[in-house]
Amino acid sequence: MVGLRPRRDRSYHITIVSVTVFLHRCQAHRALDLHPLASHFFRLWLWMTTGMVTKEWAAIHRKHHAKCETAEDPHSPQQVGIKPGALGRRVPVRQESYTRIR
C-alpha cells in the first residue's frame, strides 16, 4: 500500500524513543518518572531488540557525564578514537558499568 512504512521502521522508532525517554531521561538522568507499566514495556522492548541491560547502560552514561573528555570517559572519541564507534565496537559495557565513579 502506498504511504505505509514497513513494520521494521516502526520498531526502529520505538527503539529510539525507548533509548531517549527511558534509558536516557528516566534511568540515567532521573529527570522523568514513568508509570511502572511504561517502564516495564521499555525495559522489555530494549532487552528483546538490542540486548541492552538498563543498569549497565545507565551506569556507563552517568560515568560518561562524570568523566567527560578525560582518560576515564568510557566512550569519548577524543580518547578512544572514532573507529570503535564507527565500526560498531563498544566499550566492554558489563566490565565498565561496574567500575565505580570516583
Protein backbone atom coordinates (compact mmCIF):
# COMPACT_ATOMS: atom_id res chain seq x y z
CA MET A 1 0.00 0.00 0.00
CA VAL A 2 1.11 3.49 -0.74
CA GLY A 3 2.18 5.56 2.26
CA LEU A 4 2.57 2.72 4.76
CA ARG A 5 6.03 2.06 6.06
CA PRO A 6 7.38 -1.41 6.66
CA ARG A 7 6.92 -2.82 10.14
CA ARG A 8 10.66 -2.63 10.85
CA ASP A 9 10.59 1.17 10.57
CA ARG A 10 8.04 1.33 13.38
CA SER A 11 10.13 -0.93 15.59
CA TYR A 12 13.19 1.22 14.90
CA HIS A 13 11.31 4.33 16.05
CA ILE A 14 10.05 2.57 19.18
CA THR A 15 13.65 1.63 19.99
CA ILE A 16 14.87 5.21 19.52
CA VAL A 17 12.09 6.56 21.77
CA SER A 18 12.89 3.83 24.32
CA VAL A 19 16.54 4.85 24.47
CA THR A 20 15.80 8.57 24.56
CA VAL A 21 12.90 8.60 27.01
CA PHE A 22 13.50 5.54 29.17
CA LEU A 23 17.25 4.95 29.26
CA HIS A 24 18.50 8.50 28.90
CA ARG A 25 15.93 10.73 30.61
CA CYS A 26 14.34 8.33 33.09
CA GLN A 27 17.14 5.96 34.10
CA ALA A 28 20.43 7.80 33.54
CA HIS A 29 19.41 11.35 34.47
CA ARG A 30 16.34 10.58 36.62
CA ALA A 31 14.69 13.63 35.06
CA LEU A 32 11.45 11.81 34.36
CA ASP A 33 9.23 9.42 36.29
CA LEU A 34 7.35 6.91 34.18
CA HIS A 35 4.42 4.76 35.13
CA PRO A 36 5.69 1.27 36.10
CA LEU A 37 3.84 -0.26 33.14
CA ALA A 38 5.63 2.07 30.71
CA SER A 39 8.99 1.34 32.37
CA HIS A 40 8.45 -2.40 32.10
CA PHE A 41 7.45 -2.06 28.44
CA PHE A 42 10.57 -0.03 27.57
CA ARG A 43 12.88 -2.32 29.54
CA LEU A 44 11.44 -5.44 27.88
CA TRP A 45 11.46 -3.84 24.42
CA LEU A 46 15.11 -2.79 24.70
CA TRP A 47 16.18 -6.15 26.07
CA MET A 48 14.39 -8.01 23.27
CA THR A 49 15.52 -5.74 20.41
CA THR A 50 19.02 -4.69 21.47
CA GLY A 51 20.09 -6.86 24.39
CA MET A 52 20.78 -3.74 26.47
CA VAL A 53 20.73 -4.10 30.24
CA THR A 54 19.21 -0.97 31.77
CA LYS A 55 21.50 -0.73 34.82
CA GLU A 56 24.63 -1.16 32.71
CA TRP A 57 23.57 1.45 30.13
CA ALA A 58 22.67 3.99 32.82
CA ALA A 59 25.94 3.39 34.69
CA ILE A 60 28.02 3.90 31.54
CA HIS A 61 26.10 7.05 30.66
CA ARG A 62 26.50 8.51 34.15
CA LYS A 63 30.22 7.74 34.04
CA HIS A 64 30.44 9.44 30.66
CA HIS A 65 28.99 12.64 32.14
CA ALA A 66 31.11 12.43 35.29
CA LYS A 67 34.37 11.85 33.38
CA CYS A 68 33.56 13.66 30.13
CA GLU A 69 36.56 14.08 27.80
CA THR A 70 39.04 12.63 30.28
CA ALA A 71 41.05 9.44 30.02
CA GLU A 72 38.32 7.67 32.04
CA ASP A 73 35.45 8.63 29.71
CA PRO A 74 34.10 5.25 28.51
CA HIS A 75 33.18 6.45 25.01
CA SER A 76 34.98 9.66 24.18
CA PRO A 77 36.09 9.84 20.55
CA GLN A 78 38.94 12.08 21.70
CA GLN A 79 40.21 9.31 23.99
CA VAL A 80 39.46 6.10 22.09
CA GLY A 81 39.27 7.50 18.54
CA ILE A 82 36.42 7.43 16.10
CA LYS A 83 36.97 3.88 14.79
CA PRO A 84 35.41 1.90 17.67
CA GLY A 85 32.11 3.77 17.37
CA ALA A 86 32.13 3.92 13.59
CA LEU A 87 32.85 0.21 13.28
CA GLY A 88 30.16 -0.75 15.77
CA ARG A 89 32.54 -1.90 18.50
CA ARG A 90 31.53 -0.88 22.00
CA VAL A 91 33.33 -0.47 25.27
CA PRO A 92 33.12 -3.70 27.29
CA VAL A 93 29.91 -2.48 28.91
CA ARG A 94 29.50 -5.07 31.63
CA GLN A 95 33.04 -4.57 32.94
CA GLU A 96 32.93 -0.78 32.62
CA SER A 97 29.50 -0.39 34.22
CA TYR A 98 30.68 -1.98 37.45
CA THR A 99 33.72 0.28 37.73
CA ARG A 100 32.99 2.87 40.41
CA ILE A 101 32.97 6.55 39.61
CA ARG A 102 35.41 8.34 41.89
